[in-house]
N, C-alpha and C. Protein backbone atom coordinates (compact mmCIF):
# COMPACT_ATOMS: atom_id res chain seq x y z
N MET A 1 -30.11 28.85 51.88
CA MET A 1 -28.68 29.13 52.02
C MET A 1 -28.25 30.28 51.11
N PHE A 2 -28.78 30.31 49.89
CA PHE A 2 -28.46 31.38 48.95
C PHE A 2 -29.72 32.19 48.68
N THR A 3 -29.52 33.49 48.49
CA THR A 3 -30.65 34.37 48.21
C THR A 3 -30.23 35.49 47.28
N LEU A 4 -31.20 36.04 46.55
CA LEU A 4 -30.94 37.19 45.69
C LEU A 4 -31.27 38.46 46.46
N VAL A 5 -30.34 39.41 46.45
CA VAL A 5 -30.52 40.67 47.16
C VAL A 5 -30.38 41.82 46.17
N GLU A 6 -31.32 42.75 46.22
CA GLU A 6 -31.24 43.95 45.38
C GLU A 6 -30.34 44.98 46.05
N LEU A 7 -29.41 45.51 45.27
CA LEU A 7 -28.43 46.47 45.78
C LEU A 7 -28.31 47.66 44.85
N ASN A 8 -27.84 48.77 45.39
CA ASN A 8 -27.52 49.96 44.61
C ASN A 8 -26.07 50.32 44.88
N ASP A 9 -25.36 50.71 43.84
CA ASP A 9 -23.96 51.10 44.04
C ASP A 9 -23.54 52.03 42.91
N THR A 10 -22.51 52.81 43.17
CA THR A 10 -21.89 53.63 42.13
C THR A 10 -20.64 52.91 41.66
N VAL A 11 -20.63 52.51 40.41
CA VAL A 11 -19.54 51.69 39.87
C VAL A 11 -18.56 52.58 39.10
N GLN A 12 -17.29 52.41 39.43
CA GLN A 12 -16.24 53.15 38.73
C GLN A 12 -15.65 52.27 37.63
N ILE A 13 -15.60 52.80 36.42
CA ILE A 13 -15.06 52.05 35.29
C ILE A 13 -13.80 52.76 34.80
N PRO A 14 -12.63 52.10 34.87
CA PRO A 14 -11.38 52.74 34.43
C PRO A 14 -11.34 52.89 32.92
N SER A 15 -10.50 53.80 32.45
CA SER A 15 -10.44 54.12 31.02
C SER A 15 -10.03 52.92 30.16
N ASN A 16 -9.28 51.97 30.72
CA ASN A 16 -8.85 50.82 29.92
C ASN A 16 -9.99 49.84 29.65
N MET A 17 -11.19 50.13 30.22
CA MET A 17 -12.36 49.27 29.96
C MET A 17 -13.40 49.99 29.09
N PHE A 18 -13.06 51.18 28.58
CA PHE A 18 -14.02 51.93 27.78
C PHE A 18 -14.32 51.26 26.44
N ASN A 19 -13.45 50.33 26.01
CA ASN A 19 -13.63 49.69 24.70
C ASN A 19 -14.58 48.49 24.74
N ILE A 20 -15.11 48.15 25.93
CA ILE A 20 -16.05 47.03 26.02
C ILE A 20 -17.42 47.57 26.38
N PRO A 21 -18.51 46.82 26.08
CA PRO A 21 -19.86 47.30 26.40
C PRO A 21 -19.99 47.66 27.88
N ILE A 22 -20.74 48.71 28.17
CA ILE A 22 -20.81 49.22 29.54
C ILE A 22 -21.40 48.20 30.51
N ASP A 23 -22.39 47.41 30.06
CA ASP A 23 -22.97 46.43 30.97
C ASP A 23 -21.96 45.34 31.33
N GLN A 24 -21.10 44.97 30.38
CA GLN A 24 -20.06 43.98 30.64
C GLN A 24 -19.01 44.54 31.60
N ALA A 25 -18.64 45.81 31.39
CA ALA A 25 -17.66 46.44 32.27
C ALA A 25 -18.20 46.56 33.69
N ILE A 26 -19.47 46.93 33.81
CA ILE A 26 -20.08 47.05 35.14
C ILE A 26 -20.13 45.69 35.83
N ALA A 27 -20.50 44.64 35.07
CA ALA A 27 -20.57 43.29 35.65
C ALA A 27 -19.20 42.85 36.17
N GLU A 28 -18.15 43.11 35.39
CA GLU A 28 -16.80 42.73 35.82
C GLU A 28 -16.39 43.47 37.08
N GLN A 29 -16.70 44.77 37.14
CA GLN A 29 -16.32 45.56 38.30
C GLN A 29 -17.10 45.15 39.55
N LEU A 30 -18.39 44.85 39.39
CA LEU A 30 -19.19 44.43 40.55
C LEU A 30 -18.71 43.09 41.09
N ASN A 31 -18.43 42.13 40.21
CA ASN A 31 -17.92 40.84 40.67
C ASN A 31 -16.56 40.98 41.32
N ARG A 32 -15.72 41.86 40.77
CA ARG A 32 -14.40 42.06 41.35
C ARG A 32 -14.48 42.64 42.76
N ARG A 33 -15.45 43.52 42.97
CA ARG A 33 -15.55 44.21 44.26
C ARG A 33 -16.33 43.43 45.32
N ILE A 34 -17.35 42.68 44.89
CA ILE A 34 -18.28 42.11 45.87
C ILE A 34 -18.16 40.60 46.03
N ALA A 35 -17.83 39.88 44.95
CA ALA A 35 -17.73 38.42 45.05
C ALA A 35 -16.69 38.03 46.10
N ASN A 36 -17.05 37.10 46.96
CA ASN A 36 -16.19 36.60 48.03
C ASN A 36 -15.89 37.66 49.09
N ARG A 37 -16.73 38.69 49.16
CA ARG A 37 -16.61 39.71 50.20
C ARG A 37 -17.87 39.68 51.06
N VAL A 38 -17.71 40.02 52.33
CA VAL A 38 -18.86 40.11 53.24
C VAL A 38 -19.41 41.52 53.22
N ILE A 39 -20.72 41.63 52.97
CA ILE A 39 -21.42 42.90 53.09
C ILE A 39 -22.12 42.88 54.45
N ILE A 40 -21.79 43.83 55.30
CA ILE A 40 -22.31 43.84 56.65
C ILE A 40 -23.84 43.84 56.64
N ASP A 41 -24.41 42.96 57.44
CA ASP A 41 -25.86 42.79 57.61
C ASP A 41 -26.55 42.24 56.36
N VAL A 42 -25.78 41.79 55.37
CA VAL A 42 -26.35 41.21 54.16
C VAL A 42 -25.89 39.78 53.98
N GLY A 43 -24.59 39.54 53.96
CA GLY A 43 -24.06 38.20 53.80
C GLY A 43 -22.81 38.19 52.93
N LEU A 44 -22.43 37.00 52.49
CA LEU A 44 -21.24 36.83 51.67
C LEU A 44 -21.63 36.89 50.20
N GLY A 45 -21.01 37.81 49.45
CA GLY A 45 -21.28 37.92 48.04
C GLY A 45 -20.75 36.73 47.26
N ILE A 46 -21.56 36.18 46.36
CA ILE A 46 -21.15 35.05 45.54
C ILE A 46 -20.88 35.50 44.10
N CYS A 47 -21.89 36.01 43.43
CA CYS A 47 -21.70 36.50 42.06
C CYS A 47 -22.88 37.37 41.65
N LEU A 48 -22.65 38.21 40.63
CA LEU A 48 -23.72 39.05 40.09
C LEU A 48 -24.76 38.17 39.39
N PHE A 49 -26.03 38.45 39.67
CA PHE A 49 -27.11 37.72 39.00
C PHE A 49 -27.61 38.47 37.77
N ASP A 50 -27.97 39.73 37.94
CA ASP A 50 -28.36 40.55 36.79
C ASP A 50 -28.32 42.02 37.16
N ILE A 51 -28.33 42.86 36.13
CA ILE A 51 -28.36 44.31 36.30
C ILE A 51 -29.76 44.79 35.97
N LEU A 52 -30.41 45.49 36.90
CA LEU A 52 -31.78 45.94 36.73
C LEU A 52 -31.86 47.29 36.03
N SER A 53 -30.96 48.20 36.34
CA SER A 53 -30.96 49.50 35.67
C SER A 53 -29.58 50.14 35.76
N ILE A 54 -29.27 50.94 34.71
CA ILE A 54 -28.00 51.68 34.65
C ILE A 54 -28.34 53.14 34.39
N GLN A 55 -27.87 54.02 35.26
CA GLN A 55 -28.12 55.44 35.07
C GLN A 55 -26.99 56.07 34.26
N GLU A 56 -27.06 57.39 34.09
CA GLU A 56 -26.03 58.09 33.32
C GLU A 56 -24.67 57.97 33.97
N SER A 57 -23.63 57.98 33.15
CA SER A 57 -22.25 57.94 33.64
C SER A 57 -21.67 59.35 33.66
N PHE A 58 -20.85 59.60 34.69
CA PHE A 58 -20.22 60.91 34.82
C PHE A 58 -18.72 60.75 34.98
N ILE A 59 -17.98 61.72 34.45
CA ILE A 59 -16.53 61.81 34.65
C ILE A 59 -16.27 63.10 35.41
N TYR A 60 -15.68 62.98 36.59
CA TYR A 60 -15.43 64.16 37.41
C TYR A 60 -14.10 64.82 37.01
N HIS A 61 -13.99 66.08 37.33
CA HIS A 61 -12.80 66.86 36.98
C HIS A 61 -11.54 66.21 37.57
N GLY A 62 -10.56 66.00 36.71
CA GLY A 62 -9.29 65.41 37.16
C GLY A 62 -9.33 63.90 37.35
N ASP A 63 -10.42 63.26 36.91
CA ASP A 63 -10.59 61.82 37.08
C ASP A 63 -10.82 61.19 35.72
N SER A 64 -10.09 60.12 35.42
CA SER A 64 -10.23 59.46 34.11
C SER A 64 -11.25 58.33 34.13
N GLU A 65 -11.85 58.06 35.28
CA GLU A 65 -12.83 56.98 35.39
C GLU A 65 -14.25 57.52 35.25
N THR A 66 -15.14 56.66 34.76
CA THR A 66 -16.56 57.02 34.76
C THR A 66 -17.19 56.51 36.06
N HIS A 67 -18.22 57.20 36.49
CA HIS A 67 -18.95 56.85 37.72
C HIS A 67 -20.41 56.66 37.33
N THR A 68 -20.91 55.46 37.56
CA THR A 68 -22.26 55.11 37.10
C THR A 68 -23.06 54.49 38.24
N LYS A 69 -24.25 55.05 38.49
CA LYS A 69 -25.13 54.46 39.50
C LYS A 69 -25.87 53.27 38.88
N VAL A 70 -25.84 52.14 39.62
CA VAL A 70 -26.38 50.89 39.10
C VAL A 70 -27.30 50.24 40.14
N HIS A 71 -28.42 49.69 39.67
CA HIS A 71 -29.33 48.91 40.50
C HIS A 71 -29.25 47.47 39.99
N PHE A 72 -28.93 46.53 40.87
CA PHE A 72 -28.64 45.17 40.41
C PHE A 72 -29.03 44.15 41.47
N ARG A 73 -28.99 42.89 41.08
CA ARG A 73 -29.23 41.79 42.02
C ARG A 73 -27.98 40.93 42.12
N PHE A 74 -27.63 40.61 43.36
CA PHE A 74 -26.43 39.81 43.61
C PHE A 74 -26.81 38.56 44.39
N LEU A 75 -26.18 37.44 44.03
CA LEU A 75 -26.40 36.19 44.76
C LEU A 75 -25.59 36.22 46.05
N ILE A 76 -26.27 36.02 47.17
CA ILE A 76 -25.67 36.16 48.49
C ILE A 76 -25.80 34.85 49.27
N PHE A 77 -24.75 34.49 49.97
CA PHE A 77 -24.81 33.37 50.91
C PHE A 77 -25.20 33.90 52.28
N ARG A 78 -26.36 33.49 52.74
CA ARG A 78 -26.82 33.82 54.10
C ARG A 78 -27.90 32.84 54.51
N PRO A 79 -27.51 31.75 55.17
CA PRO A 79 -28.52 30.76 55.59
C PRO A 79 -29.46 31.35 56.63
N PHE A 80 -30.70 30.85 56.66
CA PHE A 80 -31.66 31.35 57.64
C PHE A 80 -31.51 30.62 58.96
N ILE A 81 -31.91 31.28 60.03
CA ILE A 81 -31.85 30.68 61.35
C ILE A 81 -32.76 29.44 61.38
N GLY A 82 -32.20 28.32 61.80
CA GLY A 82 -32.93 27.06 61.82
C GLY A 82 -32.63 26.18 60.63
N GLU A 83 -31.92 26.71 59.62
CA GLU A 83 -31.57 25.90 58.45
C GLU A 83 -30.51 24.86 58.82
N VAL A 84 -30.64 23.67 58.26
CA VAL A 84 -29.67 22.59 58.50
C VAL A 84 -28.70 22.53 57.32
N LEU A 85 -27.39 22.61 57.63
CA LEU A 85 -26.33 22.58 56.62
C LEU A 85 -25.39 21.43 56.91
N THR A 86 -24.62 21.06 55.90
CA THR A 86 -23.63 19.99 56.04
C THR A 86 -22.27 20.51 55.57
N GLY A 87 -21.24 20.31 56.40
CA GLY A 87 -19.90 20.75 56.07
C GLY A 87 -18.86 19.78 56.58
N LYS A 88 -17.60 20.19 56.47
CA LYS A 88 -16.47 19.37 56.93
C LYS A 88 -15.90 19.95 58.22
N LEU A 89 -15.61 19.08 59.17
CA LEU A 89 -14.98 19.51 60.41
C LEU A 89 -13.51 19.82 60.13
N ARG A 90 -13.11 21.09 60.28
CA ARG A 90 -11.72 21.47 59.95
C ARG A 90 -10.82 21.55 61.17
N SER A 91 -11.39 21.76 62.37
CA SER A 91 -10.57 21.76 63.59
C SER A 91 -11.48 21.73 64.81
N CYS A 92 -10.87 21.35 65.95
CA CYS A 92 -11.56 21.35 67.24
C CYS A 92 -10.76 22.20 68.22
N SER A 93 -11.47 22.85 69.12
CA SER A 93 -10.83 23.62 70.18
C SER A 93 -11.74 23.57 71.40
N LEU A 94 -11.27 24.12 72.51
CA LEU A 94 -12.11 24.19 73.70
C LEU A 94 -13.39 24.96 73.42
N GLU A 95 -13.32 25.89 72.47
CA GLU A 95 -14.48 26.70 72.13
C GLU A 95 -15.57 25.87 71.48
N GLY A 96 -15.17 24.88 70.66
CA GLY A 96 -16.14 24.04 69.99
C GLY A 96 -15.60 23.48 68.69
N LEU A 97 -16.50 23.25 67.72
CA LEU A 97 -16.13 22.70 66.41
C LEU A 97 -16.07 23.83 65.39
N HIS A 98 -15.03 23.80 64.55
CA HIS A 98 -14.87 24.78 63.48
C HIS A 98 -15.11 24.06 62.16
N ILE A 99 -16.12 24.52 61.42
CA ILE A 99 -16.62 23.80 60.25
C ILE A 99 -16.44 24.63 58.99
N SER A 100 -16.17 23.96 57.88
CA SER A 100 -16.03 24.62 56.58
C SER A 100 -17.06 24.08 55.60
N LEU A 101 -17.60 24.98 54.77
CA LEU A 101 -18.47 24.57 53.67
C LEU A 101 -17.71 24.50 52.36
N GLY A 102 -16.41 24.73 52.41
CA GLY A 102 -15.59 24.75 51.21
C GLY A 102 -15.33 26.16 50.73
N PHE A 103 -16.40 26.93 50.54
CA PHE A 103 -16.29 28.32 50.12
C PHE A 103 -16.44 29.29 51.30
N PHE A 104 -16.80 28.76 52.48
CA PHE A 104 -17.01 29.58 53.67
C PHE A 104 -16.56 28.80 54.89
N ASP A 105 -15.63 29.40 55.67
CA ASP A 105 -15.00 28.67 56.77
C ASP A 105 -15.40 29.17 58.16
N ASP A 106 -16.04 30.30 58.27
CA ASP A 106 -16.27 30.91 59.58
C ASP A 106 -17.56 30.40 60.21
N ILE A 107 -17.54 29.13 60.55
CA ILE A 107 -18.68 28.47 61.20
C ILE A 107 -18.19 27.83 62.49
N LEU A 108 -18.88 28.13 63.58
CA LEU A 108 -18.53 27.59 64.89
C LEU A 108 -19.74 26.92 65.50
N VAL A 109 -19.52 25.70 66.00
CA VAL A 109 -20.52 25.04 66.84
C VAL A 109 -19.99 25.10 68.27
N PRO A 110 -20.49 26.01 69.10
CA PRO A 110 -20.00 26.13 70.48
C PRO A 110 -20.31 24.88 71.28
N SER A 111 -19.46 24.60 72.26
CA SER A 111 -19.60 23.36 73.03
C SER A 111 -20.91 23.30 73.80
N HIS A 112 -21.53 24.45 74.11
CA HIS A 112 -22.81 24.39 74.85
C HIS A 112 -23.97 23.98 73.96
N TRP A 113 -23.71 23.82 72.65
CA TRP A 113 -24.73 23.30 71.74
C TRP A 113 -24.34 21.92 71.22
N PHE A 114 -23.68 21.14 72.07
CA PHE A 114 -23.33 19.74 71.80
C PHE A 114 -24.35 18.83 72.49
N PRO A 115 -24.45 17.59 72.01
CA PRO A 115 -25.23 16.61 72.80
C PRO A 115 -24.48 16.33 74.10
N GLU A 116 -25.20 15.94 75.13
CA GLU A 116 -24.55 15.67 76.42
C GLU A 116 -24.56 14.18 76.71
N PRO A 117 -23.49 13.71 77.41
CA PRO A 117 -22.32 14.46 77.85
C PRO A 117 -21.20 14.42 76.80
N CYS A 118 -20.44 15.51 76.69
CA CYS A 118 -19.28 15.57 75.80
C CYS A 118 -18.06 16.05 76.59
N ARG A 119 -16.90 15.65 76.16
CA ARG A 119 -15.66 16.11 76.79
C ARG A 119 -14.61 16.38 75.73
N PHE A 120 -13.66 17.26 76.06
CA PHE A 120 -12.61 17.63 75.13
C PHE A 120 -11.32 16.94 75.54
N ASP A 121 -10.72 16.19 74.61
CA ASP A 121 -9.45 15.52 74.85
C ASP A 121 -8.32 16.48 74.46
N GLU A 122 -7.64 17.04 75.47
CA GLU A 122 -6.59 18.03 75.23
C GLU A 122 -5.44 17.45 74.41
N ARG A 123 -5.08 16.21 74.68
CA ARG A 123 -3.92 15.61 74.00
C ARG A 123 -4.21 15.38 72.52
N GLU A 124 -5.40 14.87 72.23
CA GLU A 124 -5.76 14.57 70.85
C GLU A 124 -6.41 15.75 70.14
N GLN A 125 -6.78 16.80 70.93
CA GLN A 125 -7.47 17.96 70.39
C GLN A 125 -8.72 17.54 69.61
N VAL A 126 -9.56 16.80 70.30
CA VAL A 126 -10.78 16.28 69.67
C VAL A 126 -11.89 16.24 70.72
N TRP A 127 -13.12 16.48 70.27
CA TRP A 127 -14.27 16.35 71.15
C TRP A 127 -14.81 14.92 71.07
N ILE A 128 -15.34 14.45 72.20
CA ILE A 128 -15.85 13.09 72.29
C ILE A 128 -17.24 13.13 72.91
N TRP A 129 -18.19 12.53 72.22
CA TRP A 129 -19.54 12.38 72.76
C TRP A 129 -19.60 11.03 73.46
N GLU A 130 -19.87 11.05 74.78
CA GLU A 130 -19.97 9.82 75.56
C GLU A 130 -21.41 9.31 75.47
N TYR A 131 -21.68 8.66 74.36
CA TYR A 131 -23.04 8.21 74.04
C TYR A 131 -23.40 6.98 74.86
N GLN A 132 -24.60 7.02 75.44
CA GLN A 132 -25.06 5.90 76.25
C GLN A 132 -26.35 5.33 75.67
N SER A 133 -26.40 4.01 75.56
CA SER A 133 -27.59 3.33 75.06
C SER A 133 -27.69 1.96 75.71
N ASP A 134 -28.85 1.67 76.26
CA ASP A 134 -29.10 0.38 76.91
C ASP A 134 -28.04 0.07 77.98
N GLY A 135 -27.64 1.11 78.71
CA GLY A 135 -26.69 0.92 79.80
C GLY A 135 -25.25 0.80 79.35
N GLU A 136 -24.99 0.87 78.05
CA GLU A 136 -23.62 0.79 77.55
C GLU A 136 -23.17 2.16 77.04
N LYS A 137 -21.90 2.46 77.27
CA LYS A 137 -21.34 3.76 76.86
C LYS A 137 -20.38 3.57 75.70
N SER A 138 -20.51 4.44 74.69
CA SER A 138 -19.59 4.42 73.55
C SER A 138 -19.00 5.82 73.38
N ASN A 139 -17.71 5.86 73.10
CA ASN A 139 -17.04 7.14 72.85
C ASN A 139 -17.08 7.44 71.36
N LEU A 140 -17.83 8.46 70.98
CA LEU A 140 -17.94 8.85 69.58
C LEU A 140 -17.04 10.06 69.34
N PHE A 141 -15.95 9.86 68.61
CA PHE A 141 -14.96 10.90 68.38
C PHE A 141 -15.40 11.82 67.24
N MET A 142 -15.19 13.12 67.42
CA MET A 142 -15.46 14.12 66.39
C MET A 142 -14.14 14.45 65.69
N ASP A 143 -13.78 13.60 64.73
CA ASP A 143 -12.48 13.71 64.08
C ASP A 143 -12.48 14.75 62.97
N VAL A 144 -11.34 15.44 62.84
CA VAL A 144 -11.15 16.42 61.77
C VAL A 144 -11.29 15.74 60.41
N GLY A 145 -11.98 16.41 59.50
CA GLY A 145 -12.20 15.85 58.16
C GLY A 145 -13.53 15.15 58.00
N GLU A 146 -14.20 14.86 59.13
CA GLU A 146 -15.50 14.19 59.06
C GLU A 146 -16.59 15.16 58.57
N THR A 147 -17.64 14.60 57.98
CA THR A 147 -18.78 15.39 57.53
C THR A 147 -19.71 15.64 58.71
N VAL A 148 -20.09 16.91 58.89
CA VAL A 148 -20.90 17.31 60.04
C VAL A 148 -22.19 17.97 59.57
N ARG A 149 -23.29 17.56 60.16
CA ARG A 149 -24.59 18.18 59.90
C ARG A 149 -24.94 19.04 61.11
N PHE A 150 -25.27 20.31 60.88
CA PHE A 150 -25.54 21.23 61.99
C PHE A 150 -26.71 22.15 61.64
N LYS A 151 -27.32 22.71 62.68
CA LYS A 151 -28.42 23.65 62.50
C LYS A 151 -27.94 25.06 62.82
N VAL A 152 -28.24 26.01 61.96
CA VAL A 152 -27.85 27.40 62.17
C VAL A 152 -28.67 27.98 63.33
N LYS A 153 -27.97 28.51 64.34
CA LYS A 153 -28.63 29.06 65.52
C LYS A 153 -28.49 30.58 65.63
N GLU A 154 -27.38 31.10 65.09
CA GLU A 154 -27.08 32.52 65.32
C GLU A 154 -26.12 33.00 64.25
N GLU A 155 -26.17 34.29 63.94
CA GLU A 155 -25.20 34.89 63.02
C GLU A 155 -24.69 36.19 63.64
N VAL A 156 -23.42 36.48 63.42
CA VAL A 156 -22.80 37.69 63.98
C VAL A 156 -22.06 38.41 62.87
N PHE A 157 -22.47 39.65 62.59
CA PHE A 157 -21.75 40.50 61.65
C PHE A 157 -20.88 41.47 62.43
N THR A 158 -19.64 41.67 61.97
CA THR A 158 -18.72 42.59 62.62
C THR A 158 -18.05 43.46 61.57
N ASP A 159 -18.11 44.77 61.76
CA ASP A 159 -17.44 45.69 60.85
C ASP A 159 -15.95 45.65 61.16
N THR A 160 -15.16 45.06 60.27
CA THR A 160 -13.72 44.91 60.49
C THR A 160 -12.91 45.98 59.76
N SER A 161 -13.58 46.96 59.15
CA SER A 161 -12.86 48.03 58.46
C SER A 161 -12.16 48.91 59.50
N PRO A 162 -11.06 49.59 59.13
CA PRO A 162 -10.29 50.37 60.09
C PRO A 162 -11.01 51.59 60.63
N GLY A 163 -12.11 51.99 59.99
CA GLY A 163 -12.84 53.17 60.45
C GLY A 163 -13.51 53.83 59.29
N GLY A 164 -14.48 54.72 59.58
CA GLY A 164 -15.20 55.39 58.50
C GLY A 164 -16.21 54.46 57.89
N PRO A 165 -16.47 54.62 56.58
CA PRO A 165 -17.47 53.77 55.92
C PRO A 165 -17.03 52.34 55.85
N THR A 166 -17.98 51.42 55.68
CA THR A 166 -17.66 50.00 55.56
C THR A 166 -16.93 49.74 54.26
N SER A 167 -16.41 48.52 54.09
CA SER A 167 -15.57 48.19 52.95
C SER A 167 -16.31 48.30 51.63
N THR A 168 -17.65 48.24 51.66
CA THR A 168 -18.42 48.49 50.44
C THR A 168 -19.38 49.62 50.72
N SER A 169 -19.67 50.41 49.70
CA SER A 169 -20.53 51.57 49.88
C SER A 169 -21.96 51.27 49.46
N LEU A 170 -22.35 50.02 49.56
CA LEU A 170 -23.64 49.59 49.05
C LEU A 170 -24.79 50.05 49.92
N ASP A 171 -25.88 50.47 49.26
CA ASP A 171 -27.16 50.69 49.93
C ASP A 171 -27.98 49.44 49.65
N THR A 172 -28.54 48.84 50.69
CA THR A 172 -29.21 47.56 50.50
C THR A 172 -30.60 47.57 51.10
N HIS A 173 -31.47 46.74 50.51
CA HIS A 173 -32.82 46.60 51.03
C HIS A 173 -32.87 45.54 52.13
N ALA A 174 -31.77 44.79 52.30
CA ALA A 174 -31.78 43.71 53.29
C ALA A 174 -31.71 44.28 54.69
N GLN A 175 -32.32 43.59 55.64
CA GLN A 175 -32.32 44.01 57.03
C GLN A 175 -31.56 43.00 57.86
N SER A 176 -30.80 43.50 58.86
CA SER A 176 -30.03 42.62 59.72
C SER A 176 -30.93 41.98 60.77
N THR A 177 -30.63 40.72 61.09
CA THR A 177 -31.33 40.06 62.18
C THR A 177 -30.39 39.85 63.37
N SER A 178 -29.20 40.51 63.31
CA SER A 178 -28.21 40.24 64.35
C SER A 178 -27.76 41.50 65.05
N GLU A 179 -28.53 42.59 65.01
CA GLU A 179 -28.12 43.81 65.66
C GLU A 179 -28.03 43.60 67.16
N GLY A 180 -26.91 44.09 67.75
CA GLY A 180 -26.76 44.01 69.18
C GLY A 180 -26.16 42.72 69.67
N LEU A 181 -25.83 41.79 68.78
CA LEU A 181 -25.24 40.54 69.22
C LEU A 181 -23.80 40.78 69.65
N PRO A 182 -23.35 40.16 70.75
CA PRO A 182 -21.97 40.34 71.18
C PRO A 182 -21.01 39.65 70.23
N VAL A 183 -19.84 40.22 70.08
CA VAL A 183 -18.81 39.63 69.24
C VAL A 183 -17.75 39.05 70.15
N ASP A 184 -17.63 37.72 70.16
CA ASP A 184 -16.73 37.06 71.09
C ASP A 184 -15.54 36.43 70.39
N ASN A 185 -15.35 36.71 69.10
CA ASN A 185 -14.23 36.13 68.39
C ASN A 185 -13.11 37.15 68.29
N GLN A 186 -11.92 36.78 68.71
CA GLN A 186 -10.79 37.69 68.75
C GLN A 186 -10.29 38.05 67.36
N ARG A 187 -10.52 37.22 66.37
CA ARG A 187 -10.01 37.44 65.02
C ARG A 187 -10.83 38.47 64.27
N ARG A 188 -11.90 38.94 64.87
CA ARG A 188 -12.78 39.93 64.23
C ARG A 188 -13.25 39.44 62.87
N THR A 189 -13.91 38.33 62.90
CA THR A 189 -14.48 37.75 61.68
C THR A 189 -15.65 38.60 61.22
N PRO A 190 -15.68 39.01 59.94
CA PRO A 190 -16.77 39.88 59.49
C PRO A 190 -18.14 39.20 59.51
N TYR A 191 -18.18 37.88 59.31
CA TYR A 191 -19.46 37.16 59.30
C TYR A 191 -19.23 35.79 59.92
N LEU A 192 -19.78 35.59 61.09
CA LEU A 192 -19.64 34.33 61.82
C LEU A 192 -20.99 33.66 61.96
N ILE A 193 -21.04 32.38 61.61
CA ILE A 193 -22.26 31.59 61.79
C ILE A 193 -22.04 30.63 62.96
N LYS A 194 -23.00 30.59 63.88
CA LYS A 194 -22.93 29.67 65.00
C LYS A 194 -24.03 28.62 64.83
N GLY A 195 -23.66 27.36 65.06
CA GLY A 195 -24.60 26.27 64.86
C GLY A 195 -24.71 25.36 66.05
N SER A 196 -25.59 24.38 65.92
CA SER A 196 -25.86 23.42 67.00
C SER A 196 -25.85 22.00 66.43
N ILE A 197 -25.38 21.05 67.26
CA ILE A 197 -25.47 19.63 66.90
C ILE A 197 -26.14 18.84 68.01
N GLU A 198 -26.91 19.51 68.86
CA GLU A 198 -27.45 18.85 70.05
C GLU A 198 -28.71 18.04 69.78
N GLU A 199 -29.33 18.21 68.61
CA GLU A 199 -30.56 17.47 68.32
C GLU A 199 -30.27 16.16 67.61
N SER A 200 -31.22 15.25 67.69
CA SER A 200 -31.10 13.96 67.02
C SER A 200 -30.95 14.15 65.51
N GLY A 201 -30.03 13.42 64.90
CA GLY A 201 -29.77 13.53 63.47
C GLY A 201 -28.70 14.52 63.11
N LEU A 202 -28.29 15.35 64.08
CA LEU A 202 -27.23 16.31 63.85
C LEU A 202 -25.91 15.78 64.38
N GLY A 203 -24.81 16.43 63.99
CA GLY A 203 -23.49 15.97 64.37
C GLY A 203 -22.82 15.26 63.21
N LEU A 204 -21.90 14.35 63.52
CA LEU A 204 -21.23 13.60 62.46
C LEU A 204 -22.25 12.74 61.72
N VAL A 205 -22.21 12.85 60.39
CA VAL A 205 -23.15 12.06 59.58
C VAL A 205 -22.95 10.57 59.83
N SER A 206 -21.72 10.16 60.10
CA SER A 206 -21.42 8.74 60.33
C SER A 206 -22.09 8.19 61.57
N TRP A 207 -22.50 9.05 62.51
CA TRP A 207 -23.18 8.57 63.71
C TRP A 207 -24.54 7.96 63.39
N TRP A 208 -25.17 8.42 62.32
CA TRP A 208 -26.57 8.08 62.07
C TRP A 208 -26.74 7.10 60.91
N LYS A 209 -25.65 6.53 60.45
CA LYS A 209 -25.75 5.55 59.33
C LYS A 209 -26.18 4.20 59.86
């Protein structure tokens, strides 16, 4: 779920931070810029892990900030395809289940990756698994707030910046596994994870107790 990624960036340090050690100033600026931000084709930034190297700092004409090239490692959230995660069901729609991990909300389990047969109750806005066993049918409701176990099936990165370069100018060693994937979410989510609950043991944790 979490991984360390090596990145390169040019960090700008404002003059009001010149009185603190340069490594501390760089760490603060990197966390401010990258933590809780999506880096396209890399993942969601969590926090700086360490700084590997700091090059010379430069001040350009008419600029009061220093510009320093830095090589560092950042902790990134990016689960691998096939990984099983557990989160909270935050809402249901005709599209499927919308799940939150607490720090990350853009998770969708599309209805075509549900166990069969399932139906959507428009009035209650809830999905129901019509589970059958020994000739008897039980309606298992997927209620909001329940704990859900799902398997990661797909990831979609979308550049949501207005144009030009992406929101971060990072050069990264990470490679995307989602090039060419269609983007079907109208909200233009920068990082969308799609999961499945169709296998045994997946879905609401309460089903398997």
